[in-house]
Amino acid sequence: MRESVTNAVSELLGLFVEDRTFALAIALWIAVFAIVMHVTGGARDIAGPIFFLGFATILVASTIRAAS
């Protein structure tokens, strides 16, 4: 039983951390965005689109890197 749970957790983690650079970029983007929003008080009306554009940029860069 314990082995099957360990395997399941390992597989689940592998879904998100297969590409370490991608996972690190996502984590860094969230941290940087949160810090900037906290320090500046943030423009709440454009925060969502900026947050999305950061993720989209990371995804595009990761896709280009993987394709080459």
Protein backbone atom coordinates (compact mmCIF):
# COMPACT_ATOMS: atom_id res chain seq x y z
CA MET A 1 0.00 0.00 0.00
CA ARG A 2 2.74 2.44 0.98
CA GLU A 3 4.64 1.75 -2.24
CA SER A 4 1.59 2.48 -4.40
CA VAL A 5 1.01 5.79 -2.61
CA THR A 6 4.67 6.70 -3.08
CA ASN A 7 4.45 5.86 -6.78
CA ALA A 8 1.25 7.88 -7.17
CA VAL A 9 2.81 10.93 -5.50
CA SER A 10 5.93 10.54 -7.59
CA GLU A 11 3.88 10.37 -10.80
CA LEU A 12 1.81 13.39 -9.78
CA LEU A 13 4.90 15.41 -8.97
CA GLY A 14 6.45 14.33 -12.27
CA LEU A 15 3.54 15.93 -14.13
CA PHE A 16 4.52 19.33 -12.78
CA VAL A 17 8.27 19.10 -12.45
CA GLU A 18 9.28 17.18 -15.56
CA ASP A 19 10.81 20.36 -16.92
CA ARG A 20 12.64 21.92 -14.00
CA THR A 21 13.35 25.16 -15.85
CA PHE A 22 9.66 25.63 -16.60
CA ALA A 23 8.65 24.90 -13.00
CA LEU A 24 11.31 27.27 -11.67
CA ALA A 25 10.25 30.03 -14.07
CA ILE A 26 6.61 29.68 -12.97
CA ALA A 27 7.58 29.80 -9.28
CA LEU A 28 9.82 32.82 -9.83
CA TRP A 29 7.14 34.66 -11.81
CA ILE A 30 4.60 34.13 -9.01
CA ALA A 31 7.10 35.34 -6.39
CA VAL A 32 8.23 38.39 -8.37
CA PHE A 33 4.66 39.35 -9.25
CA ALA A 34 3.52 39.01 -5.63
CA ILE A 35 6.44 41.11 -4.34
CA VAL A 36 5.91 43.83 -6.94
CA MET A 37 2.17 43.95 -6.26
CA HIS A 38 2.80 44.16 -2.51
CA VAL A 39 5.48 46.85 -2.72
CA THR A 40 3.73 49.05 -5.27
CA GLY A 41 0.20 48.53 -4.06
CA GLY A 42 -0.51 47.26 -7.54
CA ALA A 43 -3.00 48.40 -10.12
CA ARG A 44 -5.68 45.83 -9.37
CA ASP A 45 -7.54 46.48 -12.63
CA ILE A 46 -4.60 45.36 -14.78
CA ALA A 47 -3.00 42.86 -12.40
CA GLY A 48 -4.84 39.88 -13.89
CA PRO A 49 -3.81 40.53 -17.49
CA ILE A 50 -0.20 41.19 -16.47
CA PHE A 51 -0.15 37.97 -14.43
CA PHE A 52 -1.55 36.05 -17.41
CA LEU A 53 0.93 37.60 -19.86
CA GLY A 54 3.80 36.52 -17.64
CA PHE A 55 2.56 32.92 -17.68
CA ALA A 56 1.93 33.06 -21.44
CA THR A 57 5.45 34.37 -22.03
CA ILE A 58 6.96 31.58 -19.93
CA LEU A 59 4.91 28.98 -21.80
CA VAL A 60 5.92 30.31 -25.22
CA ALA A 61 9.59 30.49 -24.23
CA SER A 62 9.47 26.94 -22.86
CA THR A 63 7.80 25.65 -26.02
CA ILE A 64 10.37 27.35 -28.26
CA ARG A 65 13.21 25.97 -26.13
CA ALA A 66 11.76 22.44 -26.26
CA ALA A 67 11.23 22.61 -30.03
CA SER A 68 14.83 23.53 -30.77
